[in-house]
Structures are given as structure tokens and as C-alpha cells.
């Protein structure tokens, strides 16, 4: 992860958690197990939902 390499573990954990959360409702182009393992290494809980980032774009999936 790029943020890991930039010495930003908290931010890396936040984005990883968000990616896992979004991957629950939409196809993901990454290996979830790898992200979950990295979250454990970073000290983040993979099951926890990340706090909402007010600057992050909002994605709305409509089901019809």
C-alpha cells in the first residue's frame, strides 16, 4: 500500500477499512484477505466501519 510506504499507517488503515466496506456491496478488484491481513498488521480492526470522511465522495448505489 502506498500510504504504508509514506509512513501513514492510520490513513492506510482508514482507506483499507473503507475499501473493505465498499467491497461488501460492489465487486472489488483486490484480494480482501490480503487487505484484512494488512489491517491486522496495522492494528486496525477489519470488521469495523471507518469514520466518515467529510471530504470523501459519496457513492450511492440504487437498487431497482
PDB file of N, CA and C in Angstrom:
ATOM      1  N   UNK A   1       0.840  -1.183   0.000  1.00  0.00           N
ATOM      2  CA  UNK A   1       0.000   0.000   0.000  1.00  0.00           C
ATOM      3  C   UNK A   1       0.884   1.245   0.000  1.00  0.00           C
ATOM      4  N   UNK A   2       0.524   2.182  -0.774  1.00  0.00           N
ATOM      5  CA  UNK A   2       1.309   3.397  -0.892  1.00  0.00           C
ATOM      6  C   UNK A   2       1.384   4.204   0.390  1.00  0.00           C
ATOM      7  N   UNK A   3       0.280   4.279   1.125  1.00  0.00           N
ATOM      8  CA  UNK A   3       0.287   5.060   2.363  1.00  0.00           C
ATOM      9  C   UNK A   3       1.174   4.417   3.413  1.00  0.00           C
ATOM     10  N   UNK A   4       1.298   3.096   3.389  1.00  0.00           N
ATOM     11  CA  UNK A   4       2.234   2.422   4.288  1.00  0.00           C
ATOM     12  C   UNK A   4       3.649   2.903   4.016  1.00  0.00           C
ATOM     13  N   UNK A   5       3.982   2.961   2.757  1.00  0.00           N
ATOM     14  CA  UNK A   5       5.341   3.354   2.357  1.00  0.00           C
ATOM     15  C   UNK A   5       5.618   4.825   2.655  1.00  0.00           C
ATOM     16  N   UNK A   6       4.572   5.613   2.748  1.00  0.00           N
ATOM     17  CA  UNK A   6       4.724   7.027   3.090  1.00  0.00           C
ATOM     18  C   UNK A   6       4.633   7.267   4.593  1.00  0.00           C
ATOM     19  N   UNK A   7       4.703   6.168   5.369  1.00  0.00           N
ATOM     20  CA  UNK A   7       4.656   6.234   6.828  1.00  0.00           C
ATOM     21  C   UNK A   7       3.357   6.874   7.321  1.00  0.00           C
ATOM     22  N   UNK A   8       2.250   6.443   6.733  1.00  0.00           N
ATOM     23  CA  UNK A   8       0.917   6.921   7.107  1.00  0.00           C
ATOM     24  C   UNK A   8       0.029   5.727   7.474  1.00  0.00           C
ATOM     25  N   UNK A   9       0.385   4.975   8.532  1.00  0.00           N
ATOM     26  CA  UNK A   9      -0.371   3.755   8.835  1.00  0.00           C
ATOM     27  C   UNK A   9      -1.830   3.994   9.220  1.00  0.00           C
ATOM     28  N   UNK A  10      -2.120   5.064   9.934  1.00  0.00           N
ATOM     29  CA  UNK A  10      -3.511   5.327  10.319  1.00  0.00           C
ATOM     30  C   UNK A  10      -4.368   5.625   9.097  1.00  0.00           C
ATOM     31  N   UNK A  11      -3.836   6.414   8.210  1.00  0.00           N
ATOM     32  CA  UNK A  11      -4.567   6.741   6.983  1.00  0.00           C
ATOM     33  C   UNK A  11      -4.709   5.502   6.105  1.00  0.00           C
ATOM     34  N   UNK A  12      -3.664   4.685   6.039  1.00  0.00           N
ATOM     35  CA  UNK A  12      -3.731   3.435   5.273  1.00  0.00           C
ATOM     36  C   UNK A  12      -4.823   2.534   5.838  1.00  0.00           C
ATOM     37  N   UNK A  13      -4.909   2.449   7.151  1.00  0.00           N
ATOM     38  CA  UNK A  13      -5.939   1.617   7.783  1.00  0.00           C
ATOM     39  C   UNK A  13      -7.330   2.156   7.476  1.00  0.00           C
ATOM     40  N   UNK A  14      -7.491   3.460   7.522  1.00  0.00           N
ATOM     41  CA  UNK A  14      -8.788   4.069   7.239  1.00  0.00           C
ATOM     42  C   UNK A  14      -9.245   3.756   5.817  1.00  0.00           C
ATOM     43  N   UNK A  15      -8.354   3.938   4.849  1.00  0.00           N
ATOM     44  CA  UNK A  15      -8.725   3.667   3.461  1.00  0.00           C
ATOM     45  C   UNK A  15      -8.945   2.178   3.219  1.00  0.00           C
ATOM     46  N   UNK A  16      -8.170   1.338   3.895  1.00  0.00           N
ATOM     47  CA  UNK A  16      -8.356  -0.104   3.746  1.00  0.00           C
ATOM     48  C   UNK A  16      -9.705  -0.536   4.302  1.00  0.00           C
ATOM     49  N   UNK A  17     -10.077   0.000   5.439  1.00  0.00           N
ATOM     50  CA  UNK A  17     -11.380  -0.312   6.020  1.00  0.00           C
ATOM     51  C   UNK A  17     -12.502   0.155   5.110  1.00  0.00           C
ATOM     52  N   UNK A  18     -12.346   1.324   4.544  1.00  0.00           N
ATOM     53  CA  UNK A  18     -13.370   1.851   3.629  1.00  0.00           C
ATOM     54  C   UNK A  18     -13.494   0.973   2.386  1.00  0.00           C
ATOM     55  N   UNK A  19     -12.353   0.534   1.865  1.00  0.00           N
ATOM     56  CA  UNK A  19     -12.373  -0.333   0.688  1.00  0.00           C
ATOM     57  C   UNK A  19     -13.080  -1.649   0.997  1.00  0.00           C
ATOM     58  N   UNK A  20     -12.799  -2.224   2.163  1.00  0.00           N
ATOM     59  CA  UNK A  20     -13.470  -3.464   2.547  1.00  0.00           C
ATOM     60  C   UNK A  20     -14.965  -3.251   2.719  1.00  0.00           C
ATOM     61  N   UNK A  21     -15.330  -2.133   3.294  1.00  0.00           N
ATOM     62  CA  UNK A  21     -16.739  -1.820   3.493  1.00  0.00           C
ATOM     63  C   UNK A  21     -17.466  -1.702   2.151  1.00  0.00           C
ATOM     64  N   UNK A  22     -16.866  -0.990   1.221  1.00  0.00           N
ATOM     65  CA  UNK A  22     -17.482  -0.823  -0.102  1.00  0.00           C
ATOM     66  C   UNK A  22     -17.508  -2.129  -0.876  1.00  0.00           C
ATOM     67  N   UNK A  23     -16.531  -2.999  -0.629  1.00  0.00           N
ATOM     68  CA  UNK A  23     -16.463  -4.277  -1.342  1.00  0.00           C
ATOM     69  C   UNK A  23     -17.571  -5.233  -0.923  1.00  0.00           C
ATOM     70  N   UNK A  24     -18.269  -4.914   0.143  1.00  0.00           N
ATOM     71  CA  UNK A  24     -19.376  -5.762   0.574  1.00  0.00           C
ATOM     72  C   UNK A  24     -20.593  -5.606  -0.339  1.00  0.00           C
ATOM     73  N   UNK A  25     -20.702  -4.473  -1.011  1.00  0.00           N
ATOM     74  CA  UNK A  25     -21.875  -4.216  -1.841  1.00  0.00           C
ATOM     75  C   UNK A  25     -21.569  -4.075  -3.332  1.00  0.00           C
ATOM     76  N   UNK A  26     -20.297  -4.114  -3.686  1.00  0.00           N
ATOM     77  CA  UNK A  26     -19.913  -3.963  -5.088  1.00  0.00           C
ATOM     78  C   UNK A  26     -18.691  -4.836  -5.359  1.00  0.00           C
ATOM     79  N   UNK A  27     -18.481  -5.218  -6.606  1.00  0.00           N
ATOM     80  CA  UNK A  27     -17.305  -6.024  -6.935  1.00  0.00           C
ATOM     81  C   UNK A  27     -16.012  -5.278  -6.580  1.00  0.00           C
ATOM     82  N   UNK A  28     -15.022  -6.030  -6.138  1.00  0.00           N
ATOM     83  CA  UNK A  28     -13.747  -5.437  -5.759  1.00  0.00           C
ATOM     84  C   UNK A  28     -12.635  -5.978  -6.649  1.00  0.00           C
ATOM     85  N   UNK A  29     -11.693  -5.118  -6.989  1.00  0.00           N
ATOM     86  CA  UNK A  29     -10.564  -5.516  -7.823  1.00  0.00           C
ATOM     87  C   UNK A  29      -9.322  -5.740  -6.970  1.00  0.00           C
ATOM     88  N   UNK A  30      -9.522  -6.285  -5.765  1.00  0.00           N
ATOM     89  CA  UNK A  30      -8.401  -6.588  -4.883  1.00  0.00           C
ATOM     90  C   UNK A  30      -8.755  -7.808  -4.042  1.00  0.00           C
ATOM     91  N   UNK A  31      -7.739  -8.417  -3.473  1.00  0.00           N
ATOM     92  CA  UNK A  31      -7.924  -9.592  -2.638  1.00  0.00           C
ATOM     93  C   UNK A  31      -8.264  -9.137  -1.217  1.00  0.00           C
ATOM     94  N   UNK A  32      -9.493  -9.391  -0.815  1.00  0.00           N
ATOM     95  CA  UNK A  32      -9.953  -8.945   0.509  1.00  0.00           C
ATOM     96  C   UNK A  32      -9.122  -9.541   1.641  1.00  0.00           C
ATOM     97  N   UNK A  33      -8.704 -10.791   1.505  1.00  0.00           N
ATOM     98  CA  UNK A  33      -7.912 -11.440   2.549  1.00  0.00           C
ATOM     99  C   UNK A  33      -6.581 -10.721   2.767  1.00  0.00           C
ATOM    100  N   UNK A  34      -5.986 -10.254   1.689  1.00  0.00           N
ATOM    101  CA  UNK A  34      -4.716  -9.523   1.797  1.00  0.00           C
ATOM    102  C   UNK A  34      -4.930  -8.207   2.547  1.00  0.00           C
ATOM    103  N   UNK A  35      -6.014  -7.506   2.221  1.00  0.00           N
ATOM    104  CA  UNK A  35      -6.305  -6.230   2.886  1.00  0.00           C
ATOM    105  C   UNK A  35      -6.623  -6.464   4.361  1.00  0.00           C
ATOM    106  N   UNK A  36      -7.375  -7.500   4.666  1.00  0.00           N
ATOM    107  CA  UNK A  36      -7.690  -7.807   6.061  1.00  0.00           C
ATOM    108  C   UNK A  36      -6.428  -8.138   6.854  1.00  0.00           C
ATOM    109  N   UNK A  37      -5.525  -8.901   6.254  1.00  0.00           N
ATOM    110  CA  UNK A  37      -4.264  -9.239   6.925  1.00  0.00           C
ATOM    111  C   UNK A  37      -3.433  -7.980   7.170  1.00  0.00           C
ATOM    112  N   UNK A  38      -3.409  -7.100   6.183  1.00  0.00           N
ATOM    113  CA  UNK A  38      -2.629  -5.861   6.347  1.00  0.00           C
ATOM    114  C   UNK A  38      -3.240  -4.988   7.435  1.00  0.00           C
ATOM    115  N   UNK A  39      -4.556  -4.947   7.520  1.00  0.00           N
ATOM    116  CA  UNK A  39      -5.215  -4.185   8.581  1.00  0.00           C
ATOM    117  C   UNK A  39      -4.820  -4.714   9.956  1.00  0.00           C
ATOM    118  N   UNK A  40      -4.758  -6.037  10.082  1.00  0.00           N
ATOM    119  CA  UNK A  40      -4.319  -6.606  11.364  1.00  0.00           C
ATOM    120  C   UNK A  40      -2.892  -6.163  11.677  1.00  0.00           C
ATOM    121  N   UNK A  41      -2.029  -6.142  10.661  1.00  0.00           N
ATOM    122  CA  UNK A  41      -0.646  -5.685  10.860  1.00  0.00           C
ATOM    123  C   UNK A  41      -0.593  -4.219  11.279  1.00  0.00           C
ATOM    124  N   UNK A  42      -1.508  -3.431  10.739  1.00  0.00           N
ATOM    125  CA  UNK A  42      -1.541  -2.001  11.058  1.00  0.00           C
ATOM    126  C   UNK A  42      -2.220  -1.727  12.397  1.00  0.00           C
ATOM    127  N   UNK A  43      -2.857  -2.743  12.957  1.00  0.00           N
ATOM    128  CA  UNK A  43      -3.541  -2.562  14.229  1.00  0.00           C
ATOM    129  C   UNK A  43      -4.973  -2.125  14.076  1.00  0.00           C
ATOM    130  N   UNK A  44      -5.494  -2.155  12.853  1.00  0.00           N
ATOM    131  CA  UNK A  44      -6.889  -1.788  12.616  1.00  0.00           C
ATOM    132  C   UNK A  44      -7.761  -3.023  12.657  1.00  0.00           C
ATOM    133  N   UNK A  45      -9.004  -2.841  12.982  1.00  0.00           N
ATOM    134  CA  UNK A  45      -9.953  -3.952  13.007  1.00  0.00           C
ATOM    135  C   UNK A  45     -10.658  -4.035  11.662  1.00  0.00           C
ATOM    136  N   UNK A  46     -10.471  -5.117  10.900  1.00  0.00           N
ATOM    137  CA  UNK A  46     -11.081  -5.201   9.577  1.00  0.00           C
ATOM    138  C   UNK A  46     -12.594  -5.177   9.572  1.00  0.00           C
ATOM    139  N   UNK A  47     -13.237  -5.570  10.660  1.00  0.00           N
ATOM    140  CA  UNK A  47     -14.696  -5.605  10.668  1.00  0.00           C
ATOM    141  C   UNK A  47     -15.300  -4.251  10.999  1.00  0.00           C
ATOM    142  N   UNK A  48     -14.522  -3.353  11.556  1.00  0.00           N
ATOM    143  CA  UNK A  48     -15.050  -2.056  11.968  1.00  0.00           C
ATOM    144  C   UNK A  48     -15.219  -1.142  10.767  1.00  0.00           C
ATOM    145  N   UNK A  49     -16.302  -0.404  10.762  1.00  0.00           N
ATOM    146  CA  UNK A  49     -16.536   0.566   9.693  1.00  0.00           C
ATOM    147  C   UNK A  49     -15.726   1.825   9.978  1.00  0.00           C
ATOM    148  N   UNK A  50     -15.085   2.395   8.967  1.00  0.00           N
ATOM    149  CA  UNK A  50     -14.309   3.608   9.188  1.00  0.00           C
ATOM    150  C   UNK A  50     -15.209   4.811   9.433  1.00  0.00           C
ATOM    151  N   UNK A  51     -14.659   5.776  10.110  1.00  0.00           N
ATOM    152  CA  UNK A  51     -15.398   7.018  10.335  1.00  0.00           C
ATOM    153  C   UNK A  51     -15.591   7.724   8.996  1.00  0.00           C
ATOM    154  N   UNK A  52     -16.698   8.384   8.856  1.00  0.00           N
ATOM    155  CA  UNK A  52     -16.987   9.098   7.605  1.00  0.00           C
ATOM    156  C   UNK A  52     -16.027  10.260   7.432  1.00  0.00           C
ATOM    157  N   UNK A  53     -15.473  10.357   6.248  1.00  0.00           N
ATOM    158  CA  UNK A  53     -14.578  11.451   5.908  1.00  0.00           C
ATOM    159  C   UNK A  53     -15.410  12.489   5.164  1.00  0.00           C
ATOM    160  N   UNK A  54     -15.581  13.693   5.720  1.00  0.00           N
ATOM    161  CA  UNK A  54     -16.437  14.680   5.057  1.00  0.00           C
ATOM    162  C   UNK A  54     -15.940  15.091   3.670  1.00  0.00           C
ATOM    163  N   UNK A  55     -14.652  14.882   3.386  1.00  0.00           N
ATOM    164  CA  UNK A  55     -14.118  15.255   2.086  1.00  0.00           C
ATOM    165  C   UNK A  55     -14.223  14.120   1.067  1.00  0.00           C
ATOM    166  N   UNK A  56     -14.577  12.927   1.533  1.00  0.00           N
ATOM    167  CA  UNK A  56     -14.659  11.774   0.635  1.00  0.00           C
ATOM    168  C   UNK A  56     -15.922  11.856  -0.218  1.00  0.00           C
ATOM    169  N   UNK A  57     -15.824  11.380  -1.459  1.00  0.00           N
ATOM    170  CA  UNK A  57     -17.015  11.391  -2.311  1.00  0.00           C
ATOM    171  C   UNK A  57     -18.047  10.400  -1.788  1.00  0.00           C
ATOM    172  N   UNK A  58     -19.287  10.719  -1.990  1.00  0.00           N
ATOM    173  CA  UNK A  58     -20.377   9.842  -1.575  1.00  0.00           C
ATOM    174  C   UNK A  58     -20.797   9.017  -2.777  1.00  0.00           C
ATOM    175  N   UNK A  59     -20.846   7.703  -2.584  1.00  0.00           N
ATOM    176  CA  UNK A  59     -21.246   6.803  -3.652  1.00  0.00           C
ATOM    177  C   UNK A  59     -22.594   6.212  -3.279  1.00  0.00           C
ATOM    178  N   UNK A  60     -23.564   6.397  -4.145  1.00  0.00           N
ATOM    179  CA  UNK A  60     -24.911   5.902  -3.879  1.00  0.00           C
ATOM    180  C   UNK A  60     -25.232   4.836  -4.919  1.00  0.00           C
ATOM    181  N   UNK A  61     -25.514   3.650  -4.435  1.00  0.00           N
ATOM    182  CA  UNK A  61     -25.903   2.554  -5.326  1.00  0.00           C
ATOM    183  C   UNK A  61     -27.404   2.391  -5.240  1.00  0.00           C
ATOM    184  N   UNK A  62     -28.067   2.568  -6.358  1.00  0.00           N
ATOM    185  CA  UNK A  62     -29.519   2.407  -6.387  1.00  0.00           C
ATOM    186  C   UNK A  62     -29.845   0.985  -6.804  1.00  0.00           C
ATOM    187  N   UNK A  63     -30.776   0.409  -6.101  1.00  0.00           N
ATOM    188  CA  UNK A  63     -31.263  -0.911  -6.464  1.00  0.00           C
ATOM    189  C   UNK A  63     -32.687  -0.760  -6.957  1.00  0.00           C
ATOM    190  N   UNK A  64     -32.934  -1.270  -8.130  1.00  0.00           N
ATOM    191  CA  UNK A  64     -34.268  -1.144  -8.708  1.00  0.00           C
ATOM    192  C   UNK A  64     -34.897  -2.484  -8.877  1.00  0.00           C
TER     193      UNK A  64
END
